[in-house]
All heavy atoms as atom14 arrays in JSON, in Angstrom:
{
  "sequence": "SRRQRDMYVDIDSRLKRLEQPAAAGAAPAGTPPAAGAAPAAAAPA",
  "atom14_mask": [
    [1, 1, 1, 1, 1, 1, 0, 0, 0, 0, 0, 0, 0, 0],
    [1, 1, 1, 1, 1, 1, 1, 1, 1, 1, 1, 0, 0, 0],
    [1, 1, 1, 1, 1, 1, 1, 1, 1, 1, 1, 0, 0, 0],
    [1, 1, 1, 1, 1, 1, 1, 1, 1, 0, 0, 0, 0, 0],
    [1, 1, 1, 1, 1, 1, 1, 1, 1, 1, 1, 0, 0, 0],
    [1, 1, 1, 1, 1, 1, 1, 1, 0, 0, 0, 0, 0, 0],
    [1, 1, 1, 1, 1, 1, 1, 1, 0, 0, 0, 0, 0, 0],
    [1, 1, 1, 1, 1, 1, 1, 1, 1, 1, 1, 1, 0, 0],
    [1, 1, 1, 1, 1, 1, 1, 0, 0, 0, 0, 0, 0, 0],
    [1, 1, 1, 1, 1, 1, 1, 1, 0, 0, 0, 0, 0, 0],
    [1, 1, 1, 1, 1, 1, 1, 1, 0, 0, 0, 0, 0, 0],
    [1, 1, 1, 1, 1, 1, 1, 1, 0, 0, 0, 0, 0, 0],
    [1, 1, 1, 1, 1, 1, 0, 0, 0, 0, 0, 0, 0, 0],
    [1, 1, 1, 1, 1, 1, 1, 1, 1, 1, 1, 0, 0, 0],
    [1, 1, 1, 1, 1, 1, 1, 1, 0, 0, 0, 0, 0, 0],
    [1, 1, 1, 1, 1, 1, 1, 1, 1, 0, 0, 0, 0, 0],
    [1, 1, 1, 1, 1, 1, 1, 1, 1, 1, 1, 0, 0, 0],
    [1, 1, 1, 1, 1, 1, 1, 1, 0, 0, 0, 0, 0, 0],
    [1, 1, 1, 1, 1, 1, 1, 1, 1, 0, 0, 0, 0, 0],
    [1, 1, 1, 1, 1, 1, 1, 1, 1, 0, 0, 0, 0, 0],
    [1, 1, 1, 1, 1, 1, 1, 0, 0, 0, 0, 0, 0, 0],
    [1, 1, 1, 1, 1, 0, 0, 0, 0, 0, 0, 0, 0, 0],
    [1, 1, 1, 1, 1, 0, 0, 0, 0, 0, 0, 0, 0, 0],
    [1, 1, 1, 1, 1, 0, 0, 0, 0, 0, 0, 0, 0, 0],
    [1, 1, 1, 1, 0, 0, 0, 0, 0, 0, 0, 0, 0, 0],
    [1, 1, 1, 1, 1, 0, 0, 0, 0, 0, 0, 0, 0, 0],
    [1, 1, 1, 1, 1, 0, 0, 0, 0, 0, 0, 0, 0, 0],
    [1, 1, 1, 1, 1, 1, 1, 0, 0, 0, 0, 0, 0, 0],
    [1, 1, 1, 1, 1, 0, 0, 0, 0, 0, 0, 0, 0, 0],
    [1, 1, 1, 1, 0, 0, 0, 0, 0, 0, 0, 0, 0, 0],
    [1, 1, 1, 1, 1, 1, 1, 0, 0, 0, 0, 0, 0, 0],
    [1, 1, 1, 1, 1, 1, 1, 0, 0, 0, 0, 0, 0, 0],
    [1, 1, 1, 1, 1, 1, 1, 0, 0, 0, 0, 0, 0, 0],
    [1, 1, 1, 1, 1, 0, 0, 0, 0, 0, 0, 0, 0, 0],
    [1, 1, 1, 1, 1, 0, 0, 0, 0, 0, 0, 0, 0, 0],
    [1, 1, 1, 1, 0, 0, 0, 0, 0, 0, 0, 0, 0, 0],
    [1, 1, 1, 1, 1, 0, 0, 0, 0, 0, 0, 0, 0, 0],
    [1, 1, 1, 1, 1, 0, 0, 0, 0, 0, 0, 0, 0, 0],
    [1, 1, 1, 1, 1, 1, 1, 0, 0, 0, 0, 0, 0, 0],
    [1, 1, 1, 1, 1, 0, 0, 0, 0, 0, 0, 0, 0, 0],
    [1, 1, 1, 1, 1, 0, 0, 0, 0, 0, 0, 0, 0, 0],
    [1, 1, 1, 1, 1, 0, 0, 0, 0, 0, 0, 0, 0, 0],
    [1, 1, 1, 1, 1, 0, 0, 0, 0, 0, 0, 0, 0, 0],
    [1, 1, 1, 1, 1, 1, 1, 0, 0, 0, 0, 0, 0, 0],
    [1, 1, 1, 1, 1, 0, 0, 0, 0, 0, 0, 0, 0, 0]
  ],
  "atom14_positions": [
    [[2.67, 9.0, -26.18], [3.48, 9.59, -25.09], [2.61, 9.62, -23.87], [3.03, 9.36, -22.68], [3.86, 11.07, -25.43], [4.56, 11.54, -24.33], [0.0, 0.0, 0.0], [0.0, 0.0, 0.0], [0.0, 0.0, 0.0], [0.0, 0.0, 0.0], [0.0, 0.0, 0.0], [0.0, 0.0, 0.0], [0.0, 0.0, 0.0], [0.0, 0.0, 0.0]],
    [[1.32, 10.0, -23.98], [0.4, 10.2, -22.85], [0.16, 8.71, -22.13], [0.28, 8.6, -20.95], [-0.85, 10.73, -23.2], [-1.82, 11.05, -22.11], [-3.13, 11.64, -22.67], [-2.89, 12.83, -23.43], [-3.88, 13.35, -24.08], [-5.1, 12.89, -24.15], [-3.56, 14.48, -24.77], [0.0, 0.0, 0.0], [0.0, 0.0, 0.0], [0.0, 0.0, 0.0]],
    [[0.07, 7.79, -22.97], [-0.18, 6.35, -22.44], [1.05, 5.84, -21.69], [0.95, 5.4, -20.65], [-0.56, 5.51, -23.61], [-1.92, 5.59, -24.13], [-2.28, 4.35, -24.99], [-1.42, 4.13, -26.05], [-1.45, 4.58, -27.28], [-2.42, 5.49, -27.55], [-0.56, 4.3, -28.2], [0.0, 0.0, 0.0], [0.0, 0.0, 0.0], [0.0, 0.0, 0.0]],
    [[2.18, 6.25, -22.31], [3.48, 5.78, -21.66], [3.68, 6.51, -20.34], [3.99, 5.96, -19.31], [4.71, 6.03, -22.55], [4.86, 5.14, -23.64], [6.09, 5.34, -24.56], [6.41, 6.55, -24.66], [6.56, 4.37, -25.14], [0.0, 0.0, 0.0], [0.0, 0.0, 0.0], [0.0, 0.0, 0.0], [0.0, 0.0, 0.0], [0.0, 0.0, 0.0]],
    [[3.47, 7.84, -20.32], [3.55, 8.55, -19.07], [2.6, 8.0, -18.01], [3.06, 7.91, -16.77], [3.2, 10.12, -19.37], [3.42, 10.99, -18.15], [3.13, 12.44, -18.37], [1.7, 12.57, -18.69], [1.28, 12.92, -20.0], [2.19, 13.08, -20.97], [-0.02, 13.04, -20.25], [0.0, 0.0, 0.0], [0.0, 0.0, 0.0], [0.0, 0.0, 0.0]],
    [[1.45, 7.74, -18.35], [0.47, 7.16, -17.35], [0.92, 5.84, -16.71], [0.85, 5.55, -15.7], [-0.89, 7.08, -18.02], [-1.7, 8.36, -18.34], [-1.17, 9.4, -17.77], [-2.56, 8.47, -19.22], [0.0, 0.0, 0.0], [0.0, 0.0, 0.0], [0.0, 0.0, 0.0], [0.0, 0.0, 0.0], [0.0, 0.0, 0.0], [0.0, 0.0, 0.0]],
    [[1.54, 5.09, -17.78], [1.9, 3.67, -17.29], [3.2, 3.89, -16.36], [3.25, 3.23, -15.38], [2.4, 2.96, -18.52], [2.97, 1.51, -18.21], [3.45, 0.64, -19.65], [4.8, 1.76, -20.19], [0.0, 0.0, 0.0], [0.0, 0.0, 0.0], [0.0, 0.0, 0.0], [0.0, 0.0, 0.0], [0.0, 0.0, 0.0], [0.0, 0.0, 0.0]],
    [[4.01, 4.78, -16.74], [5.26, 4.96, -15.9], [4.94, 5.61, -14.51], [5.52, 5.29, -13.46], [6.34, 5.85, -16.63], [6.78, 5.28, -17.88], [7.27, 6.16, -18.93], [6.86, 3.96, -18.02], [7.63, 5.6, -20.11], [7.33, 3.42, -19.26], [7.66, 4.21, -20.37], [8.11, 3.76, -21.42], [0.0, 0.0, 0.0], [0.0, 0.0, 0.0]],
    [[3.87, 6.49, -14.48], [3.46, 7.0, -13.2], [2.96, 5.9, -12.25], [3.22, 5.85, -11.05], [2.44, 8.17, -13.44], [1.77, 8.53, -12.09], [3.04, 9.4, -13.99], [0.0, 0.0, 0.0], [0.0, 0.0, 0.0], [0.0, 0.0, 0.0], [0.0, 0.0, 0.0], [0.0, 0.0, 0.0], [0.0, 0.0, 0.0], [0.0, 0.0, 0.0]],
    [[2.12, 4.99, -12.84], [1.53, 3.94, -12.16], [2.68, 3.06, -11.61], [2.54, 2.53, -10.59], [0.57, 3.24, -13.1], [-0.09, 2.04, -12.28], [-0.85, 2.33, -11.39], [0.14, 0.87, -12.7], [0.0, 0.0, 0.0], [0.0, 0.0, 0.0], [0.0, 0.0, 0.0], [0.0, 0.0, 0.0], [0.0, 0.0, 0.0], [0.0, 0.0, 0.0]],
    [[3.64, 2.68, -12.45], [4.76, 1.88, -12.0], [5.49, 2.47, -10.91], [5.88, 1.91, -9.95], [5.72, 1.55, -13.23], [4.97, 0.68, -14.25], [7.01, 0.92, -12.67], [5.81, 0.39, -15.47], [0.0, 0.0, 0.0], [0.0, 0.0, 0.0], [0.0, 0.0, 0.0], [0.0, 0.0, 0.0], [0.0, 0.0, 0.0], [0.0, 0.0, 0.0]],
    [[5.72, 3.83, -11.1], [6.44, 4.54, -10.01], [5.77, 4.55, -8.63], [6.32, 4.33, -7.57], [6.72, 5.96, -10.42], [7.64, 6.73, -9.47], [8.77, 6.38, -9.25], [7.13, 7.73, -8.95], [0.0, 0.0, 0.0], [0.0, 0.0, 0.0], [0.0, 0.0, 0.0], [0.0, 0.0, 0.0], [0.0, 0.0, 0.0], [0.0, 0.0, 0.0]],
    [[4.47, 4.78, -8.76], [3.62, 4.78, -7.45], [3.7, 3.41, -6.77], [3.75, 3.29, -5.48], [2.29, 5.28, -7.78], [1.63, 4.27, -8.47], [0.0, 0.0, 0.0], [0.0, 0.0, 0.0], [0.0, 0.0, 0.0], [0.0, 0.0, 0.0], [0.0, 0.0, 0.0], [0.0, 0.0, 0.0], [0.0, 0.0, 0.0], [0.0, 0.0, 0.0]],
    [[3.61, 2.44, -7.61], [3.71, 1.02, -7.02], [5.04, 0.7, -6.42], [5.13, 0.05, -5.26], [3.43, -0.04, -8.16], [2.01, 0.11, -8.6], [1.68, -1.05, -9.61], [0.37, -0.94, -10.13], [-0.47, -1.92, -10.64], [0.02, -3.06, -10.58], [-1.54, -1.68, -11.24], [0.0, 0.0, 0.0], [0.0, 0.0, 0.0], [0.0, 0.0, 0.0]],
    [[6.07, 1.08, -7.01], [7.41, 0.95, -6.46], [7.63, 1.69, -5.21], [8.15, 1.15, -4.25], [8.53, 1.45, -7.45], [8.76, 0.48, -8.71], [9.66, 1.14, -9.7], [9.21, -0.82, -8.34], [0.0, 0.0, 0.0], [0.0, 0.0, 0.0], [0.0, 0.0, 0.0], [0.0, 0.0, 0.0], [0.0, 0.0, 0.0], [0.0, 0.0, 0.0]],
    [[7.03, 2.86, -5.12], [7.2, 3.64, -3.89], [6.39, 2.99, -2.72], [6.87, 2.91, -1.64], [6.61, 5.06, -4.02], [7.55, 5.95, -4.83], [6.88, 7.31, -4.95], [7.9, 8.29, -5.86], [7.25, 9.54, -6.02], [0.0, 0.0, 0.0], [0.0, 0.0, 0.0], [0.0, 0.0, 0.0], [0.0, 0.0, 0.0], [0.0, 0.0, 0.0]],
    [[5.29, 2.36, -3.07], [4.49, 1.66, -1.96], [5.22, 0.39, -1.52], [5.31, 0.07, -0.29], [3.17, 1.24, -2.46], [2.18, 2.42, -2.63], [0.67, 1.82, -2.83], [0.67, 1.07, -3.94], [0.29, 1.48, -5.12], [0.13, 2.74, -5.33], [0.09, 0.55, -6.19], [0.0, 0.0, 0.0], [0.0, 0.0, 0.0], [0.0, 0.0, 0.0]],
    [[6.02, -0.23, -2.47], [6.73, -1.44, -2.01], [7.98, -1.1, -1.27], [8.38, -1.79, -0.38], [7.21, -2.19, -3.32], [6.14, -2.89, -4.14], [6.68, -3.49, -5.38], [5.54, -4.07, -3.2], [0.0, 0.0, 0.0], [0.0, 0.0, 0.0], [0.0, 0.0, 0.0], [0.0, 0.0, 0.0], [0.0, 0.0, 0.0], [0.0, 0.0, 0.0]],
    [[8.53, 0.11, -1.48], [9.81, 0.56, -0.66], [9.36, 1.01, 0.79], [10.25, 1.07, 1.62], [10.39, 1.72, -1.46], [10.96, 1.33, -2.73], [11.51, 2.54, -3.64], [11.21, 3.6, -3.14], [12.02, 2.22, -4.62], [0.0, 0.0, 0.0], [0.0, 0.0, 0.0], [0.0, 0.0, 0.0], [0.0, 0.0, 0.0], [0.0, 0.0, 0.0]],
    [[8.13, 1.28, 1.1], [7.79, 1.79, 2.35], [7.87, 0.65, 3.38], [7.5, -0.55, 2.94], [6.31, 2.51, 2.34], [6.15, 3.68, 1.56], [4.71, 4.09, 1.45], [3.85, 3.36, 1.9], [4.49, 5.43, 0.91], [0.0, 0.0, 0.0], [0.0, 0.0, 0.0], [0.0, 0.0, 0.0], [0.0, 0.0, 0.0], [0.0, 0.0, 0.0]],
    [[8.19, 0.96, 4.56], [8.38, -0.14, 5.5], [7.15, -0.89, 5.67], [6.02, -0.22, 5.93], [8.91, 0.6, 6.85], [9.45, 1.83, 6.39], [8.72, 2.2, 5.18], [0.0, 0.0, 0.0], [0.0, 0.0, 0.0], [0.0, 0.0, 0.0], [0.0, 0.0, 0.0], [0.0, 0.0, 0.0], [0.0, 0.0, 0.0], [0.0, 0.0, 0.0]],
    [[7.06, -2.11, 5.49], [5.86, -2.93, 5.55], [5.21, -2.91, 6.89], [4.06, -3.08, 7.09], [6.2, -4.41, 5.1], [0.0, 0.0, 0.0], [0.0, 0.0, 0.0], [0.0, 0.0, 0.0], [0.0, 0.0, 0.0], [0.0, 0.0, 0.0], [0.0, 0.0, 0.0], [0.0, 0.0, 0.0], [0.0, 0.0, 0.0], [0.0, 0.0, 0.0]],
    [[6.15, -2.85, 7.96], [5.65, -2.91, 9.31], [5.26, -1.51, 9.97], [4.95, -1.52, 11.12], [6.71, -3.59, 10.26], [0.0, 0.0, 0.0], [0.0, 0.0, 0.0], [0.0, 0.0, 0.0], [0.0, 0.0, 0.0], [0.0, 0.0, 0.0], [0.0, 0.0, 0.0], [0.0, 0.0, 0.0], [0.0, 0.0, 0.0], [0.0, 0.0, 0.0]],
    [[5.55, -0.48, 9.25], [5.22, 0.86, 9.93], [3.85, 1.02, 10.23], [2.92, 0.83, 9.39], [5.64, 1.88, 8.9], [0.0, 0.0, 0.0], [0.0, 0.0, 0.0], [0.0, 0.0, 0.0], [0.0, 0.0, 0.0], [0.0, 0.0, 0.0], [0.0, 0.0, 0.0], [0.0, 0.0, 0.0], [0.0, 0.0, 0.0], [0.0, 0.0, 0.0]],
    [[3.55, 1.21, 11.5], [2.11, 1.47, 11.97], [1.4, 0.11, 12.02], [0.12, 0.21, 12.49], [0.0, 0.0, 0.0], [0.0, 0.0, 0.0], [0.0, 0.0, 0.0], [0.0, 0.0, 0.0], [0.0, 0.0, 0.0], [0.0, 0.0, 0.0], [0.0, 0.0, 0.0], [0.0, 0.0, 0.0], [0.0, 0.0, 0.0], [0.0, 0.0, 0.0]],
    [[1.93, -1.09, 11.82], [1.28, -2.23, 11.88], [1.38, -2.9, 13.28], [2.46, -2.79, 13.98], [1.7, -3.23, 10.78], [0.0, 0.0, 0.0], [0.0, 0.0, 0.0], [0.0, 0.0, 0.0], [0.0, 0.0, 0.0], [0.0, 0.0, 0.0], [0.0, 0.0, 0.0], [0.0, 0.0, 0.0], [0.0, 0.0, 0.0], [0.0, 0.0, 0.0]],
    [[0.43, -3.69, 13.62], [0.51, -4.39, 15.0], [1.59, -5.51, 14.81], [1.81, -6.04, 13.6], [-0.77, -5.0, 15.29], [0.0, 0.0, 0.0], [0.0, 0.0, 0.0], [0.0, 0.0, 0.0], [0.0, 0.0, 0.0], [0.0, 0.0, 0.0], [0.0, 0.0, 0.0], [0.0, 0.0, 0.0], [0.0, 0.0, 0.0], [0.0, 0.0, 0.0]],
    [[2.16, -6.02, 15.92], [3.12, -7.15, 15.83], [2.45, -8.31, 15.29], [1.3, -8.58, 15.39], [3.46, -7.34, 17.29], [3.2, -5.99, 18.08], [2.13, -5.37, 17.22], [0.0, 0.0, 0.0], [0.0, 0.0, 0.0], [0.0, 0.0, 0.0], [0.0, 0.0, 0.0], [0.0, 0.0, 0.0], [0.0, 0.0, 0.0], [0.0, 0.0, 0.0]],
    [[3.41, -9.18, 14.69], [2.87, -10.41, 14.05], [2.08, -11.21, 15.1], [2.41, -11.36, 16.24], [4.04, -11.26, 13.47], [0.0, 0.0, 0.0], [0.0, 0.0, 0.0], [0.0, 0.0, 0.0], [0.0, 0.0, 0.0], [0.0, 0.0, 0.0], [0.0, 0.0, 0.0], [0.0, 0.0, 0.0], [0.0, 0.0, 0.0], [0.0, 0.0, 0.0]],
    [[0.97, -11.65, 14.65], [0.14, -12.62, 15.45], [-0.87, -11.84, 16.34], [-1.72, -12.45, 17.0], [0.0, 0.0, 0.0], [0.0, 0.0, 0.0], [0.0, 0.0, 0.0], [0.0, 0.0, 0.0], [0.0, 0.0, 0.0], [0.0, 0.0, 0.0], [0.0, 0.0, 0.0], [0.0, 0.0, 0.0], [0.0, 0.0, 0.0], [0.0, 0.0, 0.0]],
    [[-0.86, -10.53, 16.36], [-1.73, -9.78, 17.21], [-2.98, -9.51, 16.44], [-2.94, -8.98, 15.27], [-1.15, -8.44, 17.55], [0.07, -8.58, 18.19], [-2.1, -7.54, 18.4], [0.0, 0.0, 0.0], [0.0, 0.0, 0.0], [0.0, 0.0, 0.0], [0.0, 0.0, 0.0], [0.0, 0.0, 0.0], [0.0, 0.0, 0.0], [0.0, 0.0, 0.0]],
    [[-4.24, -9.94, 16.96], [-5.4, -9.8, 16.15], [-5.74, -8.28, 16.17], [-5.41, -7.47, 17.0], [-6.4, -10.52, 17.01], [-5.91, -10.49, 18.43], [-4.37, -10.6, 18.32], [0.0, 0.0, 0.0], [0.0, 0.0, 0.0], [0.0, 0.0, 0.0], [0.0, 0.0, 0.0], [0.0, 0.0, 0.0], [0.0, 0.0, 0.0], [0.0, 0.0, 0.0]],
    [[-6.46, -7.81, 15.09], [-6.87, -6.46, 15.03], [-7.82, -6.07, 16.13], [-8.6, -6.84, 16.6], [-7.58, -6.34, 13.63], [-7.98, -7.84, 13.33], [-7.09, -8.67, 14.02], [0.0, 0.0, 0.0], [0.0, 0.0, 0.0], [0.0, 0.0, 0.0], [0.0, 0.0, 0.0], [0.0, 0.0, 0.0], [0.0, 0.0, 0.0], [0.0, 0.0, 0.0]],
    [[-7.78, -4.82, 16.58], [-8.6, -4.25, 17.59], [-10.02, -4.29, 17.16], [-10.3, -4.16, 15.94], [-8.14, -2.87, 18.02], [0.0, 0.0, 0.0], [0.0, 0.0, 0.0], [0.0, 0.0, 0.0], [0.0, 0.0, 0.0], [0.0, 0.0, 0.0], [0.0, 0.0, 0.0], [0.0, 0.0, 0.0], [0.0, 0.0, 0.0], [0.0, 0.0, 0.0]],
    [[-10.89, -4.44, 18.12], [-12.37, -4.5, 17.84], [-12.79, -3.22, 17.25], [-12.37, -2.09, 17.71], [-13.22, -4.78, 19.12], [0.0, 0.0, 0.0], [0.0, 0.0, 0.0], [0.0, 0.0, 0.0], [0.0, 0.0, 0.0], [0.0, 0.0, 0.0], [0.0, 0.0, 0.0], [0.0, 0.0, 0.0], [0.0, 0.0, 0.0], [0.0, 0.0, 0.0]],
    [[-13.47, -3.31, 16.22], [-13.98, -2.16, 15.49], [-12.97, -1.42, 14.58], [-13.29, -0.36, 14.03], [0.0, 0.0, 0.0], [0.0, 0.0, 0.0], [0.0, 0.0, 0.0], [0.0, 0.0, 0.0], [0.0, 0.0, 0.0], [0.0, 0.0, 0.0], [0.0, 0.0, 0.0], [0.0, 0.0, 0.0], [0.0, 0.0, 0.0], [0.0, 0.0, 0.0]],
    [[-11.82, -2.03, 14.58], [-10.69, -1.39, 13.62], [-11.15, -1.46, 12.31], [-11.65, -2.53, 11.78], [-9.48, -1.94, 13.95], [0.0, 0.0, 0.0], [0.0, 0.0, 0.0], [0.0, 0.0, 0.0], [0.0, 0.0, 0.0], [0.0, 0.0, 0.0], [0.0, 0.0, 0.0], [0.0, 0.0, 0.0], [0.0, 0.0, 0.0], [0.0, 0.0, 0.0]],
    [[-10.88, -0.47, 11.47], [-11.16, -0.48, 10.02], [-10.31, -1.41, 9.4], [-9.04, -1.53, 9.63], [-10.98, 0.88, 9.45], [0.0, 0.0, 0.0], [0.0, 0.0, 0.0], [0.0, 0.0, 0.0], [0.0, 0.0, 0.0], [0.0, 0.0, 0.0], [0.0, 0.0, 0.0], [0.0, 0.0, 0.0], [0.0, 0.0, 0.0], [0.0, 0.0, 0.0]],
    [[-10.67, -2.16, 8.36], [-9.75, -3.12, 7.59], [-8.84, -2.33, 6.92], [-9.05, -1.14, 6.51], [-10.74, -3.93, 6.68], [-11.98, -2.9, 6.52], [-12.13, -2.31, 7.87], [0.0, 0.0, 0.0], [0.0, 0.0, 0.0], [0.0, 0.0, 0.0], [0.0, 0.0, 0.0], [0.0, 0.0, 0.0], [0.0, 0.0, 0.0], [0.0, 0.0, 0.0]],
    [[-7.75, -2.95, 6.52], [-6.59, -2.27, 5.75], [-7.31, -1.87, 4.4], [-8.01, -2.5, 3.86], [-5.46, -3.34, 5.5], [0.0, 0.0, 0.0], [0.0, 0.0, 0.0], [0.0, 0.0, 0.0], [0.0, 0.0, 0.0], [0.0, 0.0, 0.0], [0.0, 0.0, 0.0], [0.0, 0.0, 0.0], [0.0, 0.0, 0.0], [0.0, 0.0, 0.0]],
    [[-6.66, -0.65, 3.96], [-7.15, -0.17, 2.75], [-6.82, -1.06, 1.57], [-5.75, -1.71, 1.52], [-6.5, 1.18, 2.41], [0.0, 0.0, 0.0], [0.0, 0.0, 0.0], [0.0, 0.0, 0.0], [0.0, 0.0, 0.0], [0.0, 0.0, 0.0], [0.0, 0.0, 0.0], [0.0, 0.0, 0.0], [0.0, 0.0, 0.0], [0.0, 0.0, 0.0]],
    [[-7.76, -1.24, 0.66], [-7.5, -2.21, -0.53], [-6.6, -1.47, -1.44], [-6.32, -0.33, -1.33], [-8.85, -2.42, -1.11], [0.0, 0.0, 0.0], [0.0, 0.0, 0.0], [0.0, 0.0, 0.0], [0.0, 0.0, 0.0], [0.0, 0.0, 0.0], [0.0, 0.0, 0.0], [0.0, 0.0, 0.0], [0.0, 0.0, 0.0], [0.0, 0.0, 0.0]],
    [[-5.95, -2.3, -2.25], [-5.05, -1.74, -3.3], [-5.75, -0.78, -4.15], [-6.93, -0.87, -4.49], [-4.48, -2.9, -4.13], [0.0, 0.0, 0.0], [0.0, 0.0, 0.0], [0.0, 0.0, 0.0], [0.0, 0.0, 0.0], [0.0, 0.0, 0.0], [0.0, 0.0, 0.0], [0.0, 0.0, 0.0], [0.0, 0.0, 0.0], [0.0, 0.0, 0.0]],
    [[-5.0, 0.33, -4.44], [-5.65, 1.36, -5.29], [-6.29, 0.8, -6.66], [-5.68, -0.18, -7.19], [-4.54, 2.31, -5.64], [-3.43, 2.05, -4.58], [-3.67, 0.7, -4.19], [0.0, 0.0, 0.0], [0.0, 0.0, 0.0], [0.0, 0.0, 0.0], [0.0, 0.0, 0.0], [0.0, 0.0, 0.0], [0.0, 0.0, 0.0], [0.0, 0.0, 0.0]],
    [[-7.28, 1.35, -7.0], [-7.98, 0.82, -8.28], [-6.99, 1.19, -9.39], [-6.3, 2.01, -9.42], [-9.27, 1.55, -8.6], [0.0, 0.0, 0.0], [0.0, 0.0, 0.0], [0.0, 0.0, 0.0], [0.0, 0.0, 0.0], [0.0, 0.0, 0.0], [0.0, 0.0, 0.0], [0.0, 0.0, 0.0], [0.0, 0.0, 0.0], [0.0, 0.0, 0.0]]
  ]
}
């Protein structure tokens, strides 16, 4: 049960990330990142 719960929580979190607007807070297409800007966060471990 614990393994299934952990797996379902992980799946649910991934689905929520996919549902979020991909462009929210992102620069328009083709705009280079500002100097010194931090790179996008890597996918959660």
